[in-house]
Amino acid sequence: MIVYVALAVGSSLCILFRATLLVTACYKTATELFHRMHHCIFRSPMSFFDSTPSGRIMNRASTDQSAVDLDIPYQFGGVAITGIQVIGIIGVMSQVSWLVFLVFIPVVAASIWYQRYYIAAARELSRLVGVGKAPLIQHFAETISGQQPSGVSVKNLDSVVTT
């Protein structure tokens, strides 16, 4: 009974250590990204703001910060847990039968090949999502700031009001 209690306490302490380490690392990373990003934006020349729509700047800043705050910690934790599980499974299976490595090596090679294909497609889809969101955020930013949205002209606005 004491052995099971010791294993449970040890496991709980390891989980607590992992969670604390992950939260600390993610907090420092997000804070550093935020400060560097704003430093770069505030130090940019005025020509940058003339040529780059404010919606694109806000979209990029919010997307990057959101990814660092929300997505990366969960993905990093998932990769760590899955990696430990895979190493444990391979270790136990290799103790039972060394023939596991004959199956393991082709599976790893196929996984690496699929990963290379998937990463290129995922990057392209991510880029398309960002390009698609930028005009909408630009329109909202111009509306909030009181600027006239670029798709509307004064002549069209007058014809809408008179009808």
C-alpha atoms as a PDB file:
ATOM      1  CA  MET A   1       0.000   0.000   0.000  1.00  0.00           C
ATOM      2  CA  ILE A   2       2.828   2.391   0.820  1.00  0.00           C
ATOM      3  CA  VAL A   3       4.357   1.786  -2.613  1.00  0.00           C
ATOM      4  CA  TYR A   4       1.136   2.862  -4.361  1.00  0.00           C
ATOM      5  CA  VAL A   5       0.855   5.976  -2.212  1.00  0.00           C
ATOM      6  CA  ALA A   6       4.483   6.851  -2.979  1.00  0.00           C
ATOM      7  CA  LEU A   7       3.887   6.360  -6.711  1.00  0.00           C
ATOM      8  CA  ALA A   8       0.746   8.524  -6.599  1.00  0.00           C
ATOM      9  CA  VAL A   9       2.519  11.297  -4.670  1.00  0.00           C
ATOM     10  CA  GLY A  10       5.529  11.132  -7.001  1.00  0.00           C
ATOM     11  CA  SER A  11       3.306  11.272 -10.070  1.00  0.00           C
ATOM     12  CA  SER A  12       1.371  14.215  -8.652  1.00  0.00           C
ATOM     13  CA  LEU A  13       4.580  16.107  -7.898  1.00  0.00           C
ATOM     14  CA  CYS A  14       5.876  15.481 -11.422  1.00  0.00           C
ATOM     15  CA  ILE A  15       2.621  16.765 -12.923  1.00  0.00           C
ATOM     16  CA  LEU A  16       2.743  19.835 -10.672  1.00  0.00           C
ATOM     17  CA  PHE A  17       6.357  20.511 -11.667  1.00  0.00           C
ATOM     18  CA  ARG A  18       5.536  20.123 -15.367  1.00  0.00           C
ATOM     19  CA  ALA A  19       2.529  22.448 -15.144  1.00  0.00           C
ATOM     20  CA  THR A  20       4.473  25.080 -13.195  1.00  0.00           C
ATOM     21  CA  LEU A  21       7.377  24.941 -15.624  1.00  0.00           C
ATOM     22  CA  LEU A  22       5.057  25.180 -18.638  1.00  0.00           C
ATOM     23  CA  VAL A  23       3.100  28.139 -17.235  1.00  0.00           C
ATOM     24  CA  THR A  24       6.271  30.003 -16.273  1.00  0.00           C
ATOM     25  CA  ALA A  25       7.905  29.456 -19.656  1.00  0.00           C
ATOM     26  CA  CYS A  26       4.760  30.450 -21.562  1.00  0.00           C
ATOM     27  CA  TYR A  27       4.259  33.587 -19.455  1.00  0.00           C
ATOM     28  CA  LYS A  28       7.818  34.739 -20.042  1.00  0.00           C
ATOM     29  CA  THR A  29       7.587  33.969 -23.757  1.00  0.00           C
ATOM     30  CA  ALA A  30       4.286  35.814 -24.201  1.00  0.00           C
ATOM     31  CA  THR A  31       5.537  38.836 -22.257  1.00  0.00           C
ATOM     32  CA  GLU A  32       8.760  38.998 -24.259  1.00  0.00           C
ATOM     33  CA  LEU A  33       6.886  38.714 -27.573  1.00  0.00           C
ATOM     34  CA  PHE A  34       4.459  41.444 -26.511  1.00  0.00           C
ATOM     35  CA  HIS A  35       7.239  43.850 -25.539  1.00  0.00           C
ATOM     36  CA  ARG A  36       9.340  43.190 -28.651  1.00  0.00           C
ATOM     37  CA  MET A  37       6.365  43.433 -30.976  1.00  0.00           C
ATOM     38  CA  HIS A  38       5.226  46.741 -29.527  1.00  0.00           C
ATOM     39  CA  HIS A  39       8.769  48.068 -29.480  1.00  0.00           C
ATOM     40  CA  CYS A  40       9.068  47.308 -33.207  1.00  0.00           C
ATOM     41  CA  ILE A  41       5.666  48.829 -34.001  1.00  0.00           C
ATOM     42  CA  PHE A  42       6.326  52.009 -31.996  1.00  0.00           C
ATOM     43  CA  ARG A  43       9.775  52.438 -33.562  1.00  0.00           C
ATOM     44  CA  SER A  44       8.515  51.968 -37.129  1.00  0.00           C
ATOM     45  CA  PRO A  45       8.811  54.897 -39.533  1.00  0.00           C
ATOM     46  CA  MET A  46       5.663  56.728 -40.601  1.00  0.00           C
ATOM     47  CA  SER A  47       6.032  55.327 -44.116  1.00  0.00           C
ATOM     48  CA  PHE A  48       5.294  51.874 -42.666  1.00  0.00           C
ATOM     49  CA  PHE A  49       1.936  53.087 -41.343  1.00  0.00           C
ATOM     50  CA  ASP A  50       1.167  54.846 -44.628  1.00  0.00           C
ATOM     51  CA  SER A  51       1.728  51.701 -46.676  1.00  0.00           C
ATOM     52  CA  THR A  52       0.400  49.079 -44.241  1.00  0.00           C
ATOM     53  CA  PRO A  53      -3.296  49.112 -43.321  1.00  0.00           C
ATOM     54  CA  SER A  54      -3.985  49.264 -39.593  1.00  0.00           C
ATOM     55  CA  GLY A  55      -6.177  46.162 -39.871  1.00  0.00           C
ATOM     56  CA  ARG A  56      -3.243  44.130 -41.126  1.00  0.00           C
ATOM     57  CA  ILE A  57      -1.076  45.325 -38.227  1.00  0.00           C
ATOM     58  CA  MET A  58      -3.789  44.554 -35.661  1.00  0.00           C
ATOM     59  CA  ASN A  59      -4.522  41.180 -37.256  1.00  0.00           C
ATOM     60  CA  ARG A  60      -0.878  40.167 -37.202  1.00  0.00           C
ATOM     61  CA  ALA A  61      -0.328  41.349 -33.631  1.00  0.00           C
ATOM     62  CA  SER A  62      -3.476  39.732 -32.249  1.00  0.00           C
ATOM     63  CA  THR A  63      -2.952  36.469 -34.139  1.00  0.00           C
ATOM     64  CA  ASP A  64       0.651  36.112 -33.012  1.00  0.00           C
ATOM     65  CA  GLN A  65      -0.147  36.963 -29.389  1.00  0.00           C
ATOM     66  CA  SER A  66      -3.139  34.621 -29.381  1.00  0.00           C
ATOM     67  CA  ALA A  67      -1.033  31.776 -30.739  1.00  0.00           C
ATOM     68  CA  VAL A  68       1.630  32.292 -28.077  1.00  0.00           C
ATOM     69  CA  ASP A  69      -0.936  32.643 -25.279  1.00  0.00           C
ATOM     70  CA  LEU A  70      -3.345  29.853 -26.191  1.00  0.00           C
ATOM     71  CA  ASP A  71      -2.123  27.431 -28.822  1.00  0.00           C
ATOM     72  CA  ILE A  72       1.561  26.866 -28.154  1.00  0.00           C
ATOM     73  CA  PRO A  73       1.312  25.856 -24.448  1.00  0.00           C
ATOM     74  CA  TYR A  74      -1.257  23.156 -25.163  1.00  0.00           C
ATOM     75  CA  GLN A  75       0.601  21.899 -28.202  1.00  0.00           C
ATOM     76  CA  PHE A  76       3.911  21.839 -26.339  1.00  0.00           C
ATOM     77  CA  GLY A  77       2.356  19.943 -23.432  1.00  0.00           C
ATOM     78  CA  GLY A  78       0.701  17.506 -25.823  1.00  0.00           C
ATOM     79  CA  VAL A  79       3.964  16.859 -27.659  1.00  0.00           C
ATOM     80  CA  ALA A  80       5.794  16.251 -24.375  1.00  0.00           C
ATOM     81  CA  ILE A  81       3.167  13.824 -23.069  1.00  0.00           C
ATOM     82  CA  THR A  82       2.916  11.977 -26.381  1.00  0.00           C
ATOM     83  CA  GLY A  83       6.702  11.739 -26.700  1.00  0.00           C
ATOM     84  CA  ILE A  84       7.042  10.256 -23.223  1.00  0.00           C
ATOM     85  CA  GLN A  85       4.246   7.777 -23.942  1.00  0.00           C
ATOM     86  CA  VAL A  86       5.815   6.699 -27.247  1.00  0.00           C
ATOM     87  CA  ILE A  87       9.219   6.195 -25.633  1.00  0.00           C
ATOM     88  CA  GLY A  88       7.606   4.151 -22.857  1.00  0.00           C
ATOM     89  CA  ILE A  89       5.603   2.018 -25.278  1.00  0.00           C
ATOM     90  CA  ILE A  90       8.619   1.351 -27.493  1.00  0.00           C
ATOM     91  CA  GLY A  91      10.738   0.528 -24.442  1.00  0.00           C
ATOM     92  CA  VAL A  92       8.233  -1.997 -23.101  1.00  0.00           C
ATOM     93  CA  MET A  93       7.577  -3.545 -26.513  1.00  0.00           C
ATOM     94  CA  SER A  94      11.279  -3.848 -27.293  1.00  0.00           C
ATOM     95  CA  GLN A  95      11.792  -5.727 -24.023  1.00  0.00           C
ATOM     96  CA  VAL A  96       9.167  -8.242 -25.102  1.00  0.00           C
ATOM     97  CA  SER A  97      10.264  -8.578 -28.726  1.00  0.00           C
ATOM     98  CA  TRP A  98      13.091  -6.934 -30.650  1.00  0.00           C
ATOM     99  CA  LEU A  99      11.092  -7.421 -33.891  1.00  0.00           C
ATOM    100  CA  VAL A 100       9.178  -4.279 -32.949  1.00  0.00           C
ATOM    101  CA  PHE A 101      12.025  -2.261 -34.459  1.00  0.00           C
ATOM    102  CA  LEU A 102      11.376  -3.831 -37.868  1.00  0.00           C
ATOM    103  CA  VAL A 103       7.922  -2.244 -37.836  1.00  0.00           C
ATOM    104  CA  PHE A 104       8.944   0.897 -35.965  1.00  0.00           C
ATOM    105  CA  ILE A 105      11.550   2.151 -38.453  1.00  0.00           C
ATOM    106  CA  PRO A 106       9.246   2.214 -41.553  1.00  0.00           C
ATOM    107  CA  VAL A 107       6.466   3.827 -39.507  1.00  0.00           C
ATOM    108  CA  VAL A 108       8.819   6.619 -38.399  1.00  0.00           C
ATOM    109  CA  ALA A 109       9.995   7.139 -41.991  1.00  0.00           C
ATOM    110  CA  ALA A 110       6.398   7.355 -43.249  1.00  0.00           C
ATOM    111  CA  SER A 111       5.502   9.773 -40.451  1.00  0.00           C
ATOM    112  CA  ILE A 112       8.384  12.080 -41.344  1.00  0.00           C
ATOM    113  CA  TRP A 113       7.370  12.023 -45.014  1.00  0.00           C
ATOM    114  CA  TYR A 114       3.723  12.866 -44.185  1.00  0.00           C
ATOM    115  CA  GLN A 115       4.855  15.583 -41.792  1.00  0.00           C
ATOM    116  CA  ARG A 116       6.839  17.358 -44.509  1.00  0.00           C
ATOM    117  CA  TYR A 117       3.822  17.292 -46.809  1.00  0.00           C
ATOM    118  CA  TYR A 118       1.432  18.466 -44.089  1.00  0.00           C
ATOM    119  CA  ILE A 119       3.600  21.362 -42.866  1.00  0.00           C
ATOM    120  CA  ALA A 120       3.744  22.954 -46.328  1.00  0.00           C
ATOM    121  CA  ALA A 121      -0.033  22.672 -46.745  1.00  0.00           C
ATOM    122  CA  ALA A 122      -0.692  23.963 -43.213  1.00  0.00           C
ATOM    123  CA  ARG A 123       1.506  27.020 -43.762  1.00  0.00           C
ATOM    124  CA  GLU A 124      -0.298  27.867 -46.981  1.00  0.00           C
ATOM    125  CA  LEU A 125      -3.719  27.503 -45.343  1.00  0.00           C
ATOM    126  CA  SER A 126      -2.592  29.659 -42.426  1.00  0.00           C
ATOM    127  CA  ARG A 127      -1.417  32.349 -44.829  1.00  0.00           C
ATOM    128  CA  LEU A 128      -4.740  32.273 -46.698  1.00  0.00           C
ATOM    129  CA  VAL A 129      -6.696  32.646 -43.445  1.00  0.00           C
ATOM    130  CA  GLY A 130      -4.597  35.676 -42.492  1.00  0.00           C
ATOM    131  CA  VAL A 131      -5.069  37.284 -45.906  1.00  0.00           C
ATOM    132  CA  GLY A 132      -8.809  36.691 -45.709  1.00  0.00           C
ATOM    133  CA  LYS A 133      -9.183  38.245 -42.247  1.00  0.00           C
ATOM    134  CA  ALA A 134      -7.137  41.389 -42.914  1.00  0.00           C
ATOM    135  CA  PRO A 135      -9.751  43.350 -44.974  1.00  0.00           C
ATOM    136  CA  LEU A 136     -12.487  42.744 -42.397  1.00  0.00           C
ATOM    137  CA  ILE A 137     -10.321  43.901 -39.502  1.00  0.00           C
ATOM    138  CA  GLN A 138      -9.170  46.885 -41.586  1.00  0.00           C
ATOM    139  CA  HIS A 139     -12.804  47.878 -42.185  1.00  0.00           C
ATOM    140  CA  PHE A 140     -13.613  47.623 -38.455  1.00  0.00           C
ATOM    141  CA  ALA A 141     -10.537  49.666 -37.527  1.00  0.00           C
ATOM    142  CA  GLU A 142     -11.434  52.407 -40.016  1.00  0.00           C
ATOM    143  CA  THR A 143     -15.047  52.465 -38.841  1.00  0.00           C
ATOM    144  CA  ILE A 144     -14.066  52.727 -35.179  1.00  0.00           C
ATOM    145  CA  SER A 145     -11.520  55.463 -35.850  1.00  0.00           C
ATOM    146  CA  GLY A 146     -14.083  57.473 -37.835  1.00  0.00           C
ATOM    147  CA  GLN A 147     -12.342  57.162 -41.180  1.00  0.00           C
ATOM    148  CA  GLN A 148     -14.312  56.595 -44.299  1.00  0.00           C
ATOM    149  CA  PRO A 149     -14.020  52.937 -45.393  1.00  0.00           C
ATOM    150  CA  SER A 150     -12.177  52.646 -48.688  1.00  0.00           C
ATOM    151  CA  GLY A 151     -15.037  50.867 -50.481  1.00  0.00           C
ATOM    152  CA  VAL A 152     -17.502  53.737 -49.995  1.00  0.00           C
ATOM    153  CA  SER A 153     -17.370  57.045 -51.814  1.00  0.00           C
ATOM    154  CA  VAL A 154     -19.148  60.265 -50.928  1.00  0.00           C
ATOM    155  CA  LYS A 155     -21.114  60.141 -54.202  1.00  0.00           C
ATOM    156  CA  ASN A 156     -22.483  56.680 -53.380  1.00  0.00           C
ATOM    157  CA  LEU A 157     -23.294  57.808 -49.850  1.00  0.00           C
ATOM    158  CA  ASP A 158     -25.288  60.799 -51.172  1.00  0.00           C
ATOM    159  CA  SER A 159     -27.318  58.576 -53.489  1.00  0.00           C
ATOM    160  CA  VAL A 160     -28.124  56.227 -50.619  1.00  0.00           C
ATOM    161  CA  VAL A 161     -29.287  59.092 -48.391  1.00  0.00           C
ATOM    162  CA  THR A 162     -31.559  60.678 -51.053  1.00  0.00           C
ATOM    163  CA  THR A 163     -33.385  57.472 -52.005  1.00  0.00           C
END
